[in-house]
Amino acid sequence: MDLGRIEAMGEVEVDQLKRAVEAQHGCTATVFQSVPIKETFGGKTVWEGVVYTFSLVGHPAAKRAYAWSSPIEGNDKRRFFAVLHQWPVTSPVEAVRATIVAELKSDQIMRTKSN
């Protein structure tokens, strides 16, 4: 993931995010709130969009989850994220940051393996 090339979230239906949370985490989700997020690094915006918080029923370890989507570079499809509210992720901002860090680490591992 190139920090300078992360695209802002376009609008998606909340029902799509609800289905993503329920499918990924095997529980029932109800939208609780939405929060606009603007994440910067080195003075540049690396991600900007709206993160929805869902209340969960039936999940064994979490009562909330954070969900959003981002465009997939090079086509018209979207990638959906559904991150559980579990330490150290305890806010929408932390969910976005954790995802960015995980993707950067994954990209670094892939580049190392291909060299």
Protein backbone atom coordinates (compact mmCIF):
# COMPACT_ATOMS: atom_id res chain seq x y z
CA MET A 1 0.00 0.00 0.00
CA ASP A 2 1.40 3.36 -1.02
CA LEU A 3 0.48 5.94 1.64
CA GLY A 4 0.25 8.64 -0.99
CA ARG A 5 -2.29 6.68 -3.05
CA ILE A 6 -5.00 5.61 -0.61
CA GLU A 7 -8.30 6.85 -1.98
CA ALA A 8 -11.10 8.41 0.01
CA MET A 9 -14.20 6.39 0.69
CA GLY A 10 -17.14 6.89 -1.61
CA GLU A 11 -20.64 6.47 -0.34
CA VAL A 12 -21.95 2.94 0.15
CA GLU A 13 -25.20 1.81 1.64
CA VAL A 14 -25.11 1.19 5.39
CA ASP A 15 -26.86 -2.13 4.69
CA GLN A 16 -23.81 -3.25 2.69
CA LEU A 17 -21.56 -2.50 5.67
CA LYS A 18 -24.01 -4.26 8.02
CA ARG A 19 -23.91 -7.38 5.82
CA ALA A 20 -20.09 -7.25 5.77
CA VAL A 21 -19.91 -7.08 9.58
CA GLU A 22 -22.40 -9.91 9.99
CA ALA A 23 -20.70 -12.11 7.38
CA GLN A 24 -17.18 -11.56 8.68
CA HIS A 25 -17.99 -11.91 12.37
CA GLY A 26 -20.99 -14.28 12.49
CA CYS A 27 -23.31 -12.14 14.56
CA THR A 28 -26.14 -9.61 14.25
CA ALA A 29 -25.14 -5.97 13.74
CA THR A 30 -27.12 -2.76 14.25
CA VAL A 31 -25.78 0.64 13.21
CA PHE A 32 -24.92 2.74 16.25
CA GLN A 33 -23.23 5.85 14.82
CA SER A 34 -21.12 7.19 11.99
CA VAL A 35 -17.94 9.20 12.37
CA PRO A 36 -16.04 11.13 9.70
CA ILE A 37 -12.33 10.25 9.83
CA LYS A 38 -9.36 12.00 8.25
CA GLU A 39 -6.14 10.11 8.88
CA THR A 40 -2.88 11.88 8.05
CA PHE A 41 0.77 10.81 8.02
CA GLY A 42 3.69 13.11 7.38
CA GLY A 43 1.34 16.00 6.68
CA LYS A 44 -0.55 14.11 3.95
CA THR A 45 -4.04 12.64 4.06
CA VAL A 46 -3.70 8.85 3.81
CA TRP A 47 -7.37 7.98 4.28
CA GLU A 48 -10.55 9.98 4.56
CA GLY A 49 -14.09 8.74 4.85
CA VAL A 50 -16.89 7.70 7.18
CA VAL A 51 -16.56 4.82 9.63
CA TYR A 52 -19.74 3.28 10.99
CA THR A 53 -19.91 1.79 14.46
CA PHE A 54 -22.20 -1.22 14.83
CA SER A 55 -23.55 -2.76 18.02
CA LEU A 56 -23.14 -6.54 17.93
CA VAL A 57 -25.41 -9.25 19.31
CA GLY A 58 -24.18 -12.83 19.45
CA HIS A 59 -20.45 -12.24 19.13
CA PRO A 60 -18.50 -14.11 21.84
CA ALA A 61 -15.83 -11.44 22.41
CA ALA A 62 -16.97 -8.01 21.16
CA LYS A 63 -20.00 -5.79 21.60
CA ARG A 64 -19.07 -3.36 18.80
CA ALA A 65 -17.44 -3.31 15.37
CA TYR A 66 -16.25 -0.58 13.01
CA ALA A 67 -16.96 -0.80 9.29
CA TRP A 68 -16.15 1.15 6.13
CA SER A 69 -15.24 0.53 2.53
CA SER A 70 -12.62 1.76 0.12
CA PRO A 71 -12.32 1.51 -3.65
CA ILE A 72 -10.08 -1.20 -5.06
CA GLU A 73 -7.45 0.43 -7.21
CA GLY A 74 -7.87 -0.24 -10.90
CA ASN A 75 -11.54 -1.27 -10.98
CA ASP A 76 -15.01 -0.27 -9.82
CA LYS A 77 -15.26 -2.76 -6.93
CA ARG A 78 -14.94 -1.91 -3.25
CA ARG A 79 -13.19 -3.56 -0.35
CA PHE A 80 -15.15 -3.80 2.88
CA PHE A 81 -13.53 -3.59 6.31
CA ALA A 82 -15.17 -4.79 9.53
CA VAL A 83 -12.91 -4.47 12.57
CA LEU A 84 -13.94 -5.62 16.03
CA HIS A 85 -13.82 -3.28 19.02
CA GLN A 86 -11.13 -5.15 20.97
CA TRP A 87 -8.01 -3.79 22.59
CA PRO A 88 -5.97 -2.09 21.18
CA VAL A 89 -8.70 -1.09 18.71
CA THR A 90 -11.16 0.87 20.83
CA SER A 91 -12.33 3.63 18.46
CA PRO A 92 -13.11 4.21 14.78
CA VAL A 93 -9.82 6.09 14.31
CA GLU A 94 -7.84 3.23 15.85
CA ALA A 95 -9.64 0.74 13.58
CA VAL A 96 -8.58 2.69 10.48
CA ARG A 97 -5.00 3.07 11.77
CA ALA A 98 -4.72 -0.63 12.61
CA THR A 99 -5.88 -1.55 9.11
CA ILE A 100 -3.43 0.84 7.45
CA VAL A 101 -0.55 -0.53 9.54
CA ALA A 102 -1.54 -4.15 8.83
CA GLU A 103 -1.69 -3.48 5.08
CA LEU A 104 1.68 -1.70 5.10
CA LYS A 105 3.25 -4.66 6.93
CA SER A 106 1.64 -7.10 4.49
CA ASP A 107 2.94 -5.12 1.49
CA GLN A 108 6.44 -5.05 2.99
CA ILE A 109 6.39 -8.83 3.51
CA MET A 110 5.21 -9.39 -0.08
CA ARG A 111 7.96 -7.14 -1.46
CA THR A 112 10.58 -8.93 0.64
CA LYS A 113 9.41 -12.34 -0.61
CA SER A 114 9.47 -11.24 -4.25
CA ASN A 115 13.07 -9.99 -4.05
